[in-house]
Amino acid sequence: MSKLLQIKADQLQARKDKDPIAKPLLTTLLGAVEAIGKDDGGRETTDNEVELKVKNFLKLLNETIVAVEEDGGDTSTFEAEKVILEGYLPQQLSSDQITSEVAAFIVELDEPSMKMMGKVMGHLKSKHPNMFDNKLASTIIREQLS
């Protein structure tokens, strides 16, 4: 089942269950991901496009959580939304997994230097697409190349 169809099914179930958190979140997400394909010639949105949109939603949600915490507010609803959204993403690589993958690739390089940053990141992206935090990977690569 495609990610888009999964979101549709989950949104329908949330509506039936009258879930006060999942229903509005999934309705908004569904509209956003369906629009991607519709705006590009009426095709169906790909799983990769769905994952990118979910990541975008998560980024905004994390910013909201930080802002609410700074104001001393309750973030429980936002945390529940975060769990729902993370369910649509592939399992993310841990820091240790990224470190070992980067170290193994750097060994293969002729001259490891900061100039190879793009090559290492490209390797990681091609081998594990959408499965890691780019900022974390960038930090790890910088540490290992310096």
Protein backbone atom coordinates (compact mmCIF):
# COMPACT_ATOMS: atom_id res chain seq x y z
CA MET A 1 0.00 0.00 0.00
CA SER A 2 1.35 3.42 -0.91
CA LYS A 3 1.93 6.02 1.78
CA LEU A 4 -0.84 8.16 0.29
CA LEU A 5 -3.36 5.32 0.50
CA GLN A 6 -2.22 4.59 4.07
CA ILE A 7 -2.82 8.21 5.08
CA LYS A 8 -6.27 8.09 3.43
CA ALA A 9 -7.17 4.91 5.31
CA ASP A 10 -5.85 6.27 8.61
CA GLN A 11 -7.68 9.56 8.11
CA LEU A 12 -10.94 7.73 7.40
CA GLN A 13 -10.48 5.62 10.54
CA ALA A 14 -9.71 8.73 12.61
CA ARG A 15 -12.92 10.33 11.33
CA LYS A 16 -14.91 7.22 12.24
CA ASP A 17 -13.30 7.13 15.68
CA LYS A 18 -13.79 10.89 16.09
CA ASP A 19 -10.14 11.09 17.18
CA PRO A 20 -9.62 14.72 18.25
CA ILE A 21 -5.89 14.65 17.48
CA ALA A 22 -5.50 12.38 14.44
CA LYS A 23 -8.59 13.55 12.53
CA PRO A 24 -7.57 17.19 11.92
CA LEU A 25 -3.88 16.35 11.54
CA LEU A 26 -4.44 13.62 8.96
CA THR A 27 -7.05 15.68 7.09
CA THR A 28 -4.55 18.53 6.73
CA LEU A 29 -1.71 16.16 5.81
CA LEU A 30 -3.87 14.33 3.26
CA GLY A 31 -4.83 17.60 1.58
CA ALA A 32 -1.20 18.70 1.43
CA VAL A 33 0.13 15.46 -0.04
CA GLU A 34 -2.70 15.04 -2.54
CA ALA A 35 -2.08 18.58 -3.79
CA ILE A 36 1.48 17.69 -4.78
CA GLY A 37 0.37 15.19 -7.43
CA LYS A 38 -2.71 17.14 -8.50
CA ASP A 39 -0.64 20.28 -9.05
CA ASP A 40 1.76 18.29 -11.24
CA GLY A 41 -0.64 17.12 -13.91
CA GLY A 42 -3.18 15.21 -11.86
CA ARG A 43 -0.94 12.26 -11.05
CA GLU A 44 -0.75 10.37 -7.75
CA THR A 45 1.76 11.65 -5.22
CA THR A 46 4.79 9.37 -4.81
CA ASP A 47 5.89 7.83 -1.51
CA ASN A 48 9.06 9.94 -1.60
CA GLU A 49 7.01 13.13 -1.98
CA VAL A 50 4.76 12.05 0.90
CA GLU A 51 7.81 11.44 3.12
CA LEU A 52 9.24 14.86 2.27
CA LYS A 53 5.93 16.53 3.15
CA VAL A 54 5.72 14.58 6.43
CA LYS A 55 9.26 15.70 7.26
CA ASN A 56 8.20 19.27 6.55
CA PHE A 57 5.21 18.88 8.88
CA LEU A 58 7.50 17.42 11.57
CA LYS A 59 9.95 20.29 11.25
CA LEU A 60 7.17 22.83 11.76
CA LEU A 61 5.74 20.79 14.61
CA ASN A 62 9.12 20.64 16.37
CA GLU A 63 9.43 24.41 16.07
CA THR A 64 5.96 24.76 17.58
CA ILE A 65 6.86 22.44 20.46
CA VAL A 66 9.96 24.50 21.26
CA ALA A 67 7.97 27.74 21.20
CA VAL A 68 5.20 26.34 23.41
CA GLU A 69 7.72 24.92 25.89
CA GLU A 70 9.45 28.31 26.11
CA ASP A 71 6.09 29.87 26.98
CA GLY A 72 5.49 27.17 29.60
CA GLY A 73 2.55 25.66 27.72
CA ASP A 74 1.33 22.09 27.39
CA THR A 75 2.88 20.19 24.46
CA SER A 76 1.08 16.87 24.92
CA THR A 77 -1.15 17.32 21.85
CA PHE A 78 1.83 18.28 19.70
CA GLU A 79 3.82 15.29 20.97
CA ALA A 80 0.89 12.99 20.05
CA GLU A 81 0.80 14.53 16.56
CA LYS A 82 4.55 13.97 16.26
CA VAL A 83 4.15 10.25 16.99
CA ILE A 84 1.44 9.97 14.33
CA LEU A 85 3.57 11.73 11.70
CA GLU A 86 6.69 9.70 12.49
CA GLY A 87 4.70 6.57 11.69
CA TYR A 88 4.74 7.56 8.00
CA LEU A 89 8.53 7.76 7.80
CA PRO A 90 10.95 4.89 7.32
CA GLN A 91 13.00 3.83 10.33
CA GLN A 92 15.67 6.48 10.83
CA LEU A 93 19.35 5.60 11.21
CA SER A 94 20.76 6.19 14.67
CA SER A 95 23.79 8.34 15.31
CA ASP A 96 25.94 5.22 15.75
CA GLN A 97 24.70 3.73 12.48
CA ILE A 98 25.47 6.95 10.60
CA THR A 99 28.92 7.13 12.22
CA SER A 100 29.83 3.57 11.22
CA GLU A 101 28.48 4.01 7.67
CA VAL A 102 30.44 7.25 7.21
CA ALA A 103 33.61 5.76 8.70
CA ALA A 104 33.41 2.76 6.35
CA PHE A 105 33.04 5.02 3.32
CA ILE A 106 35.80 7.44 4.35
CA VAL A 107 38.24 4.51 4.53
CA GLU A 108 37.56 3.89 0.83
CA LEU A 109 38.44 7.49 -0.14
CA ASP A 110 41.87 8.23 -1.62
CA GLU A 111 42.39 11.50 0.23
CA PRO A 112 39.86 12.10 3.01
CA SER A 113 39.45 15.85 3.48
CA MET A 114 36.67 18.38 3.93
CA LYS A 115 36.56 18.63 0.13
CA MET A 116 34.99 15.15 0.16
CA MET A 117 32.04 16.24 2.33
CA GLY A 118 29.65 16.28 -0.64
CA LYS A 119 30.82 12.91 -1.87
CA VAL A 120 30.33 11.30 1.55
CA MET A 121 26.89 12.88 1.98
CA GLY A 122 25.95 11.79 -1.56
CA HIS A 123 26.96 8.21 -0.74
CA LEU A 124 24.89 8.25 2.43
CA LYS A 125 21.86 9.67 0.61
CA SER A 126 22.08 7.13 -2.20
CA LYS A 127 22.47 4.17 0.15
CA HIS A 128 19.90 5.31 2.75
CA PRO A 129 17.44 7.78 1.14
CA ASN A 130 15.24 9.67 3.62
CA MET A 131 16.49 7.47 6.45
CA PHE A 132 18.62 9.92 8.42
CA ASP A 133 18.69 13.44 9.80
CA ASN A 134 20.76 15.54 7.37
CA LYS A 135 21.96 17.90 10.08
CA LEU A 136 23.18 15.03 12.26
CA ALA A 137 24.86 13.33 9.30
CA SER A 138 26.58 16.58 8.32
CA THR A 139 27.95 17.01 11.85
CA ILE A 140 29.24 13.42 11.92
CA ILE A 141 30.87 13.74 8.50
CA ARG A 142 32.59 17.00 9.49
CA GLU A 143 33.97 15.40 12.65
CA GLN A 144 35.33 12.40 10.77
CA LEU A 145 36.82 14.38 7.88
CA SER A 146 38.58 16.96 10.04
